[in-house]
Amino acid sequence: MKIKNLDFANFSTDLRRISYWICQGRSDLASSMFRQAKEKYSLPSKLGPFRNIWTEAEKIDDKSRKIIERSDRAATLSSILLQESMK
């Protein structure tokens, strides 16, 4: 198994944690991890079906959205990143 970009795989794992924490009502922890991830990972803007992955990722941290929507978005983005890491 070859991993093209370890940042993709690592951010994917962080997003799965974030998704879980959002579901558990631990939005502060999820937001903290999300802010750290933005500083930690250098990813291209265009990734998968998204023109700008960071714009999409910001919707995960938007507390005005429903919990299930935010959690689902994080899990979906995580899956896309993991898939991209294997290309």
N, C-alpha and C. Protein backbone atom coordinates (compact mmCIF):
# COMPACT_ATOMS: atom_id res chain seq x y z
N MET A 1 0.84 -1.17 0.00
CA MET A 1 0.00 0.00 0.00
C MET A 1 0.88 1.23 0.00
N LYS A 2 0.70 2.06 -1.00
CA LYS A 2 1.49 3.28 -1.12
C LYS A 2 0.63 4.49 -0.75
N ILE A 3 1.15 5.32 0.11
CA ILE A 3 0.42 6.53 0.49
C ILE A 3 1.10 7.71 -0.19
N LYS A 4 0.36 8.37 -1.07
CA LYS A 4 0.89 9.47 -1.84
C LYS A 4 1.22 10.67 -0.96
N ASN A 5 0.31 11.00 -0.13
CA ASN A 5 0.50 12.18 0.70
C ASN A 5 0.04 11.85 2.12
N LEU A 6 1.00 11.77 3.00
CA LEU A 6 0.68 11.42 4.38
C LEU A 6 -0.21 12.46 5.05
N ASP A 7 -0.12 13.73 4.64
CA ASP A 7 -1.00 14.76 5.19
C ASP A 7 -2.47 14.43 4.92
N PHE A 8 -2.77 13.89 3.73
CA PHE A 8 -4.15 13.52 3.42
C PHE A 8 -4.64 12.47 4.42
N ALA A 9 -3.85 11.44 4.62
CA ALA A 9 -4.25 10.35 5.52
C ALA A 9 -4.35 10.83 6.97
N ASN A 10 -3.41 11.64 7.40
CA ASN A 10 -3.44 12.14 8.79
C ASN A 10 -4.62 13.07 9.03
N PHE A 11 -4.89 13.95 8.08
CA PHE A 11 -6.03 14.86 8.22
C PHE A 11 -7.33 14.06 8.18
N SER A 12 -7.36 13.00 7.38
CA SER A 12 -8.53 12.12 7.33
C SER A 12 -8.81 11.54 8.71
N THR A 13 -7.78 11.09 9.38
CA THR A 13 -7.94 10.52 10.72
C THR A 13 -8.42 11.58 11.71
N ASP A 14 -7.86 12.77 11.63
CA ASP A 14 -8.30 13.86 12.50
C ASP A 14 -9.76 14.21 12.26
N LEU A 15 -10.19 14.20 10.99
CA LEU A 15 -11.58 14.51 10.68
C LEU A 15 -12.53 13.45 11.23
N ARG A 16 -12.10 12.21 11.27
CA ARG A 16 -12.95 11.17 11.87
C ARG A 16 -13.11 11.42 13.37
N ARG A 17 -12.04 11.82 14.01
CA ARG A 17 -12.13 12.17 15.44
C ARG A 17 -13.07 13.36 15.62
N ILE A 18 -12.89 14.37 14.78
CA ILE A 18 -13.73 15.57 14.86
C ILE A 18 -15.20 15.20 14.69
N SER A 19 -15.49 14.34 13.72
CA SER A 19 -16.86 13.89 13.49
C SER A 19 -17.44 13.24 14.74
N TYR A 20 -16.66 12.39 15.37
CA TYR A 20 -17.11 11.70 16.59
C TYR A 20 -17.36 12.71 17.71
N TRP A 21 -16.42 13.63 17.89
CA TRP A 21 -16.57 14.62 18.96
C TRP A 21 -17.78 15.51 18.75
N ILE A 22 -18.06 15.87 17.51
CA ILE A 22 -19.24 16.68 17.23
C ILE A 22 -20.49 15.92 17.65
N CYS A 23 -20.56 14.65 17.29
CA CYS A 23 -21.72 13.82 17.67
C CYS A 23 -21.87 13.70 19.17
N GLN A 24 -20.75 13.69 19.88
CA GLN A 24 -20.77 13.56 21.33
C GLN A 24 -21.06 14.89 22.04
N GLY A 25 -21.22 15.97 21.25
CA GLY A 25 -21.50 17.27 21.84
C GLY A 25 -20.26 17.98 22.34
N ARG A 26 -19.10 17.53 21.90
CA ARG A 26 -17.83 18.14 22.35
C ARG A 26 -17.31 19.08 21.26
N SER A 27 -18.14 20.06 20.89
CA SER A 27 -17.81 20.97 19.80
C SER A 27 -16.57 21.80 20.07
N ASP A 28 -16.32 22.14 21.33
CA ASP A 28 -15.13 22.93 21.66
C ASP A 28 -13.86 22.15 21.34
N LEU A 29 -13.84 20.87 21.69
CA LEU A 29 -12.70 20.03 21.38
C LEU A 29 -12.54 19.87 19.86
N ALA A 30 -13.65 19.66 19.17
CA ALA A 30 -13.62 19.52 17.71
C ALA A 30 -13.10 20.80 17.06
N SER A 31 -13.55 21.95 17.54
CA SER A 31 -13.09 23.23 16.98
C SER A 31 -11.60 23.44 17.22
N SER A 32 -11.15 23.08 18.40
CA SER A 32 -9.73 23.22 18.72
C SER A 32 -8.88 22.35 17.80
N MET A 33 -9.28 21.11 17.61
CA MET A 33 -8.55 20.20 16.72
C MET A 33 -8.60 20.71 15.29
N PHE A 34 -9.74 21.23 14.88
CA PHE A 34 -9.89 21.75 13.52
C PHE A 34 -8.94 22.93 13.28
N ARG A 35 -8.86 23.83 14.24
CA ARG A 35 -7.94 24.98 14.09
C ARG A 35 -6.49 24.51 14.00
N GLN A 36 -6.13 23.53 14.81
CA GLN A 36 -4.77 22.98 14.75
C GLN A 36 -4.50 22.32 13.40
N ALA A 37 -5.50 21.63 12.88
CA ALA A 37 -5.34 20.95 11.59
C ALA A 37 -5.11 21.95 10.46
N LYS A 38 -5.80 23.08 10.51
CA LYS A 38 -5.62 24.10 9.47
C LYS A 38 -4.18 24.61 9.44
N GLU A 39 -3.56 24.69 10.59
CA GLU A 39 -2.17 25.15 10.66
C GLU A 39 -1.19 24.03 10.34
N LYS A 40 -1.55 22.81 10.67
CA LYS A 40 -0.65 21.68 10.58
C LYS A 40 -0.51 21.11 9.17
N TYR A 41 -1.61 21.03 8.42
CA TYR A 41 -1.59 20.33 7.14
C TYR A 41 -1.52 21.29 5.96
N SER A 42 -0.65 20.96 5.03
CA SER A 42 -0.57 21.74 3.79
C SER A 42 -1.18 20.89 2.67
N LEU A 43 -2.39 21.23 2.31
CA LEU A 43 -3.11 20.50 1.28
C LEU A 43 -3.42 21.43 0.12
N PRO A 44 -3.52 20.88 -1.08
CA PRO A 44 -3.92 21.73 -2.21
C PRO A 44 -5.36 22.19 -2.02
N SER A 45 -5.69 23.36 -2.53
CA SER A 45 -7.06 23.88 -2.40
C SER A 45 -8.04 22.96 -3.11
N LYS A 46 -7.75 22.63 -4.34
CA LYS A 46 -8.64 21.77 -5.14
C LYS A 46 -8.32 20.32 -4.81
N LEU A 47 -9.34 19.64 -4.33
CA LEU A 47 -9.14 18.26 -3.94
C LEU A 47 -10.46 17.52 -4.10
N GLY A 48 -10.42 16.38 -4.78
CA GLY A 48 -11.65 15.63 -5.02
C GLY A 48 -12.65 16.49 -5.77
N PRO A 49 -13.90 16.50 -5.34
CA PRO A 49 -14.91 17.28 -6.04
C PRO A 49 -14.96 18.76 -5.61
N PHE A 50 -14.09 19.15 -4.71
CA PHE A 50 -14.16 20.50 -4.14
C PHE A 50 -13.19 21.47 -4.82
N ARG A 51 -13.68 22.65 -5.12
CA ARG A 51 -12.80 23.69 -5.67
C ARG A 51 -11.85 24.20 -4.61
N ASN A 52 -12.36 24.30 -3.39
CA ASN A 52 -11.53 24.73 -2.28
C ASN A 52 -11.89 23.89 -1.06
N ILE A 53 -11.02 22.99 -0.72
CA ILE A 53 -11.30 22.06 0.38
C ILE A 53 -11.44 22.79 1.72
N TRP A 54 -10.74 23.90 1.88
CA TRP A 54 -10.79 24.61 3.15
C TRP A 54 -12.13 25.32 3.33
N THR A 55 -12.73 25.77 2.23
CA THR A 55 -14.07 26.35 2.32
C THR A 55 -15.07 25.29 2.78
N GLU A 56 -14.93 24.10 2.23
CA GLU A 56 -15.78 22.99 2.64
C GLU A 56 -15.52 22.61 4.10
N ALA A 57 -14.26 22.58 4.46
CA ALA A 57 -13.90 22.20 5.83
C ALA A 57 -14.41 23.23 6.86
N GLU A 58 -14.46 24.50 6.48
CA GLU A 58 -14.97 25.53 7.40
C GLU A 58 -16.41 25.25 7.81
N LYS A 59 -17.17 24.62 6.93
CA LYS A 59 -18.57 24.31 7.24
C LYS A 59 -18.67 23.30 8.39
N ILE A 60 -17.63 22.52 8.59
CA ILE A 60 -17.60 21.57 9.71
C ILE A 60 -17.53 22.30 11.03
N ASP A 61 -16.82 23.40 11.06
CA ASP A 61 -16.62 24.16 12.30
C ASP A 61 -17.70 25.22 12.52
N ASP A 62 -18.65 25.33 11.61
CA ASP A 62 -19.72 26.33 11.69
C ASP A 62 -20.79 25.85 12.67
N LYS A 63 -20.79 26.40 13.86
CA LYS A 63 -21.70 25.95 14.91
C LYS A 63 -23.16 26.32 14.67
N SER A 64 -23.43 27.15 13.65
CA SER A 64 -24.81 27.47 13.33
C SER A 64 -25.48 26.35 12.53
N ARG A 65 -24.69 25.40 12.06
CA ARG A 65 -25.23 24.24 11.32
C ARG A 65 -25.61 23.14 12.31
N LYS A 66 -26.47 22.25 11.85
CA LYS A 66 -26.92 21.14 12.71
C LYS A 66 -25.76 20.19 12.99
N ILE A 67 -25.80 19.58 14.16
CA ILE A 67 -24.74 18.67 14.59
C ILE A 67 -24.57 17.52 13.61
N ILE A 68 -25.65 16.91 13.21
CA ILE A 68 -25.56 15.75 12.32
C ILE A 68 -24.98 16.16 10.95
N GLU A 69 -25.31 17.34 10.49
CA GLU A 69 -24.76 17.83 9.21
C GLU A 69 -23.26 18.04 9.31
N ARG A 70 -22.82 18.66 10.41
CA ARG A 70 -21.39 18.91 10.60
C ARG A 70 -20.62 17.60 10.73
N SER A 71 -21.16 16.68 11.50
CA SER A 71 -20.51 15.39 11.70
C SER A 71 -20.43 14.61 10.39
N ASP A 72 -21.52 14.59 9.65
CA ASP A 72 -21.54 13.89 8.37
C ASP A 72 -20.56 14.51 7.37
N ARG A 73 -20.50 15.82 7.35
CA ARG A 73 -19.57 16.51 6.45
C ARG A 73 -18.12 16.14 6.79
N ALA A 74 -17.80 16.07 8.07
CA ALA A 74 -16.44 15.70 8.49
C ALA A 74 -16.12 14.27 8.07
N ALA A 75 -17.07 13.36 8.26
CA ALA A 75 -16.85 11.95 7.89
C ALA A 75 -16.70 11.81 6.38
N THR A 76 -17.49 12.53 5.63
CA THR A 76 -17.41 12.48 4.16
C THR A 76 -16.08 13.02 3.68
N LEU A 77 -15.68 14.16 4.19
CA LEU A 77 -14.41 14.76 3.80
C LEU A 77 -13.26 13.84 4.19
N SER A 78 -13.38 13.19 5.32
CA SER A 78 -12.37 12.23 5.76
C SER A 78 -12.22 11.10 4.75
N SER A 79 -13.33 10.57 4.29
CA SER A 79 -13.29 9.48 3.31
C SER A 79 -12.67 9.92 1.99
N ILE A 80 -12.98 11.12 1.56
CA ILE A 80 -12.41 11.65 0.32
C ILE A 80 -10.91 11.82 0.45
N LEU A 81 -10.47 12.35 1.58
CA LEU A 81 -9.03 12.54 1.81
C LEU A 81 -8.28 11.20 1.84
N LEU A 82 -8.87 10.21 2.49
CA LEU A 82 -8.23 8.90 2.54
C LEU A 82 -8.12 8.29 1.15
N GLN A 83 -9.16 8.43 0.36
CA GLN A 83 -9.15 7.94 -1.01
C GLN A 83 -8.07 8.66 -1.83
N GLU A 84 -7.97 9.97 -1.68
CA GLU A 84 -6.98 10.75 -2.41
C GLU A 84 -5.56 10.37 -2.00
N SER A 85 -5.39 9.98 -0.75
CA SER A 85 -4.05 9.63 -0.28
C SER A 85 -3.52 8.36 -0.93
N MET A 86 -4.42 7.54 -1.44
CA MET A 86 -4.04 6.27 -2.03
C MET A 86 -3.78 6.34 -3.54
N LYS A 87 -4.05 7.46 -4.13
CA LYS A 87 -3.86 7.58 -5.58
C LYS A 87 -2.40 7.65 -5.95
